[in-house]
């Protein structure tokens, strides 16, 4: 079985495709809709992986959280043991701004 990281936007899409949802699933849909920022997350994740050499798990978390500052982004990346130079960090932050 292949392991795949999915974003909150992808979870939302999966839940909305269901014909019938449980109360818990409805709560999840409501929660995600309130906090989701980036809609086209898969494309954004692929950009992070190719252009900035960010691993998929960290890129998925970045897409979900959409950090606004270099400090927030660095905190996310460091939790995955990823260190990037300032130029790449700024490029990622600029990409987030474009997606919002």
N, C-alpha and C. Protein backbone atom coordinates (compact mmCIF):
# COMPACT_ATOMS: atom_id res chain seq x y z
N UNK A 1 0.84 -1.18 0.00
CA UNK A 1 0.00 0.00 0.00
C UNK A 1 0.89 1.24 0.00
N UNK A 2 0.60 2.15 -0.89
CA UNK A 2 1.39 3.36 -1.03
C UNK A 2 0.90 4.42 -0.05
N UNK A 3 1.84 5.11 0.58
CA UNK A 3 1.52 6.17 1.52
C UNK A 3 1.42 7.48 0.75
N UNK A 4 0.33 8.22 0.98
CA UNK A 4 0.15 9.49 0.30
C UNK A 4 -0.34 10.52 1.31
N UNK A 5 0.29 11.66 1.30
CA UNK A 5 -0.13 12.76 2.16
C UNK A 5 -1.19 13.56 1.43
N UNK A 6 -2.28 13.89 2.14
CA UNK A 6 -3.31 14.70 1.51
C UNK A 6 -3.58 15.93 2.37
N UNK A 7 -3.99 16.97 1.70
CA UNK A 7 -4.26 18.23 2.37
C UNK A 7 -5.70 18.29 2.85
N UNK A 8 -5.96 19.32 3.64
CA UNK A 8 -7.34 19.53 4.10
C UNK A 8 -8.26 19.80 2.92
N UNK A 9 -7.77 20.50 1.91
CA UNK A 9 -8.59 20.77 0.72
C UNK A 9 -8.98 19.47 0.02
N UNK A 10 -8.05 18.52 -0.02
CA UNK A 10 -8.34 17.23 -0.64
C UNK A 10 -9.31 16.42 0.21
N UNK A 11 -9.20 16.50 1.53
CA UNK A 11 -10.15 15.83 2.42
C UNK A 11 -11.54 16.42 2.20
N UNK A 12 -11.61 17.74 2.10
CA UNK A 12 -12.88 18.40 1.86
C UNK A 12 -13.52 17.91 0.56
N UNK A 13 -12.72 17.82 -0.48
CA UNK A 13 -13.22 17.34 -1.76
C UNK A 13 -13.75 15.91 -1.66
N UNK A 14 -13.03 15.06 -0.98
CA UNK A 14 -13.45 13.65 -0.80
C UNK A 14 -14.76 13.58 -0.04
N UNK A 15 -14.86 14.36 1.05
CA UNK A 15 -16.08 14.33 1.85
C UNK A 15 -17.28 14.87 1.09
N UNK A 16 -17.06 15.91 0.30
CA UNK A 16 -18.17 16.50 -0.45
C UNK A 16 -18.66 15.59 -1.58
N UNK A 17 -17.81 14.68 -2.05
CA UNK A 17 -18.20 13.76 -3.10
C UNK A 17 -19.11 12.64 -2.59
N UNK A 18 -19.09 12.42 -1.29
CA UNK A 18 -19.93 11.36 -0.71
C UNK A 18 -21.41 11.73 -0.83
N UNK A 19 -22.23 10.74 -1.10
CA UNK A 19 -23.67 10.98 -1.22
C UNK A 19 -24.30 11.21 0.15
N UNK A 20 -23.84 10.44 1.13
CA UNK A 20 -24.34 10.60 2.49
C UNK A 20 -23.15 10.75 3.42
N UNK A 21 -23.25 11.71 4.35
CA UNK A 21 -22.17 11.93 5.30
C UNK A 21 -22.69 11.80 6.72
N UNK A 22 -21.80 11.41 7.60
CA UNK A 22 -22.16 11.28 9.01
C UNK A 22 -22.08 12.66 9.67
N UNK A 23 -22.54 12.71 10.90
CA UNK A 23 -22.48 13.97 11.65
C UNK A 23 -21.02 14.40 11.85
N UNK A 24 -20.15 13.45 12.10
CA UNK A 24 -18.73 13.75 12.27
C UNK A 24 -18.13 14.29 10.97
N UNK A 25 -18.48 13.68 9.86
CA UNK A 25 -17.99 14.15 8.56
C UNK A 25 -18.52 15.55 8.25
N UNK A 26 -19.77 15.82 8.60
CA UNK A 26 -20.33 17.15 8.40
C UNK A 26 -19.60 18.19 9.25
N UNK A 27 -19.23 17.80 10.46
CA UNK A 27 -18.46 18.71 11.32
C UNK A 27 -17.09 18.98 10.72
N UNK A 28 -16.48 17.95 10.16
CA UNK A 28 -15.17 18.11 9.52
C UNK A 28 -15.28 19.04 8.32
N UNK A 29 -16.31 18.87 7.53
CA UNK A 29 -16.53 19.74 6.36
C UNK A 29 -16.66 21.19 6.81
N UNK A 30 -17.46 21.41 7.82
CA UNK A 30 -17.67 22.77 8.34
C UNK A 30 -16.36 23.38 8.84
N UNK A 31 -15.59 22.60 9.57
CA UNK A 31 -14.32 23.07 10.10
C UNK A 31 -13.35 23.43 8.98
N UNK A 32 -13.19 22.52 8.04
CA UNK A 32 -12.24 22.73 6.95
C UNK A 32 -12.63 23.95 6.12
N UNK A 33 -13.91 24.11 5.85
CA UNK A 33 -14.36 25.26 5.05
C UNK A 33 -14.04 26.59 5.72
N UNK A 34 -14.02 26.61 7.05
CA UNK A 34 -13.72 27.84 7.78
C UNK A 34 -12.24 28.21 7.68
N UNK A 35 -11.37 27.20 7.64
CA UNK A 35 -9.94 27.46 7.78
C UNK A 35 -9.10 27.23 6.53
N UNK A 36 -9.66 26.67 5.50
CA UNK A 36 -8.89 26.39 4.29
C UNK A 36 -8.52 27.71 3.60
N UNK A 37 -7.28 27.81 3.17
CA UNK A 37 -6.83 29.03 2.51
C UNK A 37 -6.47 28.77 1.04
N UNK A 38 -5.71 27.72 0.79
CA UNK A 38 -5.29 27.40 -0.57
C UNK A 38 -6.21 26.32 -1.12
N UNK A 39 -6.83 26.58 -2.25
CA UNK A 39 -7.80 25.64 -2.84
C UNK A 39 -7.13 24.59 -3.73
N UNK A 40 -6.16 25.01 -4.56
CA UNK A 40 -5.49 24.09 -5.49
C UNK A 40 -4.18 23.61 -4.87
N UNK A 41 -4.32 22.80 -3.85
CA UNK A 41 -3.14 22.43 -3.06
C UNK A 41 -2.20 21.46 -3.76
N UNK A 42 -2.71 20.54 -4.54
CA UNK A 42 -1.83 19.53 -5.16
C UNK A 42 -0.82 20.21 -6.10
N UNK A 43 -1.30 21.15 -6.89
CA UNK A 43 -0.43 21.89 -7.79
C UNK A 43 0.62 22.67 -6.99
N UNK A 44 0.20 23.28 -5.90
CA UNK A 44 1.11 24.06 -5.06
C UNK A 44 2.16 23.15 -4.42
N UNK A 45 1.75 21.99 -3.95
CA UNK A 45 2.68 21.03 -3.34
C UNK A 45 3.73 20.58 -4.35
N UNK A 46 3.29 20.29 -5.55
CA UNK A 46 4.24 19.88 -6.60
C UNK A 46 5.24 20.99 -6.89
N UNK A 47 4.80 22.23 -6.86
CA UNK A 47 5.70 23.36 -7.06
C UNK A 47 6.73 23.42 -5.93
N UNK A 48 6.28 23.23 -4.70
CA UNK A 48 7.21 23.24 -3.56
C UNK A 48 8.24 22.12 -3.68
N UNK A 49 7.80 20.95 -4.12
CA UNK A 49 8.71 19.81 -4.26
C UNK A 49 9.74 20.06 -5.35
N UNK A 50 9.31 20.55 -6.49
CA UNK A 50 10.22 20.71 -7.64
C UNK A 50 11.10 21.95 -7.53
N UNK A 51 10.50 23.09 -7.26
CA UNK A 51 11.26 24.34 -7.27
C UNK A 51 12.09 24.57 -6.01
N UNK A 52 11.59 24.10 -4.87
CA UNK A 52 12.25 24.41 -3.60
C UNK A 52 12.78 23.19 -2.86
N UNK A 53 12.62 22.01 -3.45
CA UNK A 53 13.13 20.75 -2.89
C UNK A 53 12.59 20.48 -1.48
N UNK A 54 11.30 20.75 -1.31
CA UNK A 54 10.63 20.49 -0.04
C UNK A 54 9.98 19.11 -0.13
N UNK A 55 10.20 18.23 0.86
CA UNK A 55 9.57 16.91 0.80
C UNK A 55 8.05 17.00 0.88
N UNK A 56 7.38 16.00 0.33
CA UNK A 56 5.92 16.03 0.22
C UNK A 56 5.23 16.24 1.57
N UNK A 57 5.71 15.58 2.62
CA UNK A 57 5.04 15.72 3.92
C UNK A 57 5.11 17.16 4.43
N UNK A 58 6.26 17.81 4.29
CA UNK A 58 6.39 19.21 4.71
C UNK A 58 5.61 20.13 3.80
N UNK A 59 5.62 19.86 2.50
CA UNK A 59 4.87 20.69 1.54
C UNK A 59 3.37 20.61 1.81
N UNK A 60 2.90 19.44 2.19
CA UNK A 60 1.48 19.27 2.52
C UNK A 60 1.11 20.12 3.73
N UNK A 61 1.96 20.11 4.74
CA UNK A 61 1.70 20.90 5.93
C UNK A 61 1.74 22.40 5.62
N UNK A 62 2.66 22.81 4.77
CA UNK A 62 2.75 24.22 4.37
C UNK A 62 1.46 24.63 3.65
N UNK A 63 0.97 23.78 2.77
CA UNK A 63 -0.27 24.07 2.04
C UNK A 63 -1.45 24.19 2.99
N UNK A 64 -1.49 23.36 4.03
CA UNK A 64 -2.59 23.41 4.99
C UNK A 64 -2.54 24.65 5.88
N UNK A 65 -1.35 24.99 6.34
CA UNK A 65 -1.21 26.09 7.30
C UNK A 65 -1.08 27.44 6.62
N UNK A 66 -0.47 27.48 5.45
CA UNK A 66 -0.24 28.73 4.71
C UNK A 66 0.44 29.79 5.58
N UNK A 67 1.66 29.52 6.02
CA UNK A 67 2.35 30.49 6.88
C UNK A 67 2.53 31.82 6.17
N UNK A 68 2.53 32.89 6.97
CA UNK A 68 2.64 34.23 6.41
C UNK A 68 4.01 34.86 6.63
N UNK A 69 4.79 34.32 7.56
CA UNK A 69 6.10 34.90 7.86
C UNK A 69 7.19 33.86 7.69
N UNK A 70 8.40 34.35 7.54
CA UNK A 70 9.56 33.47 7.42
C UNK A 70 9.71 32.61 8.69
N UNK A 71 9.41 33.20 9.85
CA UNK A 71 9.52 32.46 11.12
C UNK A 71 8.53 31.30 11.18
N UNK A 72 7.29 31.55 10.75
CA UNK A 72 6.28 30.48 10.75
C UNK A 72 6.69 29.37 9.79
N UNK A 73 7.16 29.75 8.62
CA UNK A 73 7.58 28.78 7.62
C UNK A 73 8.77 27.97 8.11
N UNK A 74 9.74 28.64 8.73
CA UNK A 74 10.92 27.96 9.25
C UNK A 74 10.53 26.97 10.35
N UNK A 75 9.57 27.34 11.19
CA UNK A 75 9.11 26.44 12.25
C UNK A 75 8.51 25.16 11.66
N UNK A 76 7.71 25.30 10.61
CA UNK A 76 7.11 24.13 9.96
C UNK A 76 8.21 23.26 9.36
N UNK A 77 9.10 23.87 8.61
CA UNK A 77 10.16 23.11 7.94
C UNK A 77 11.09 22.43 8.94
N UNK A 78 11.40 23.11 10.02
CA UNK A 78 12.32 22.52 10.99
C UNK A 78 11.72 21.30 11.68
N UNK A 79 10.39 21.25 11.79
CA UNK A 79 9.76 20.07 12.38
C UNK A 79 9.90 18.84 11.49
N UNK A 80 10.26 19.07 10.21
CA UNK A 80 10.53 17.98 9.27
C UNK A 80 12.02 17.89 8.94
N UNK A 81 12.84 18.57 9.74
CA UNK A 81 14.30 18.59 9.57
C UNK A 81 14.71 19.11 8.19
N UNK A 82 14.01 20.14 7.73
CA UNK A 82 14.30 20.76 6.43
C UNK A 82 14.83 22.16 6.68
N UNK A 83 16.00 22.44 6.15
CA UNK A 83 16.59 23.78 6.24
C UNK A 83 16.74 24.35 4.85
N UNK A 84 16.23 25.57 4.65
CA UNK A 84 16.32 26.24 3.35
C UNK A 84 16.95 27.62 3.54
N UNK A 85 17.59 28.10 2.50
CA UNK A 85 18.17 29.44 2.57
C UNK A 85 17.05 30.49 2.46
N UNK A 86 17.41 31.73 2.76
CA UNK A 86 16.43 32.81 2.79
C UNK A 86 15.76 33.04 1.44
N UNK A 87 16.49 32.85 0.37
CA UNK A 87 15.94 33.05 -0.97
C UNK A 87 14.79 32.05 -1.22
N UNK A 88 14.99 30.78 -0.85
CA UNK A 88 13.95 29.77 -1.04
C UNK A 88 12.76 30.03 -0.11
N UNK A 89 13.05 30.43 1.13
CA UNK A 89 11.97 30.74 2.06
C UNK A 89 11.10 31.87 1.51
N UNK A 90 11.75 32.92 1.02
CA UNK A 90 11.01 34.05 0.46
C UNK A 90 10.23 33.63 -0.79
N UNK A 91 10.80 32.74 -1.59
CA UNK A 91 10.10 32.24 -2.77
C UNK A 91 8.85 31.45 -2.40
N UNK A 92 8.94 30.65 -1.35
CA UNK A 92 7.79 29.89 -0.88
C UNK A 92 6.71 30.84 -0.37
N UNK A 93 7.11 31.82 0.43
CA UNK A 93 6.14 32.78 0.97
C UNK A 93 5.47 33.57 -0.16
N UNK A 94 6.21 33.92 -1.18
CA UNK A 94 5.63 34.61 -2.33
C UNK A 94 4.64 33.70 -3.05
N UNK A 95 4.98 32.41 -3.17
CA UNK A 95 4.06 31.45 -3.79
C UNK A 95 2.77 31.31 -3.01
N UNK A 96 2.87 31.33 -1.68
CA UNK A 96 1.67 31.25 -0.83
C UNK A 96 0.79 32.47 -1.08
N UNK A 97 1.40 33.65 -1.13
CA UNK A 97 0.63 34.88 -1.37
C UNK A 97 -0.11 34.82 -2.70
N UNK A 98 0.53 34.26 -3.71
CA UNK A 98 -0.10 34.15 -5.02
C UNK A 98 -1.28 33.18 -5.00
N UNK A 99 -1.21 32.17 -4.17
CA UNK A 99 -2.28 31.16 -4.11
C UNK A 99 -3.49 31.62 -3.31
N UNK A 100 -3.29 32.59 -2.44
CA UNK A 100 -4.40 33.03 -1.55
C UNK A 100 -5.42 33.85 -2.28
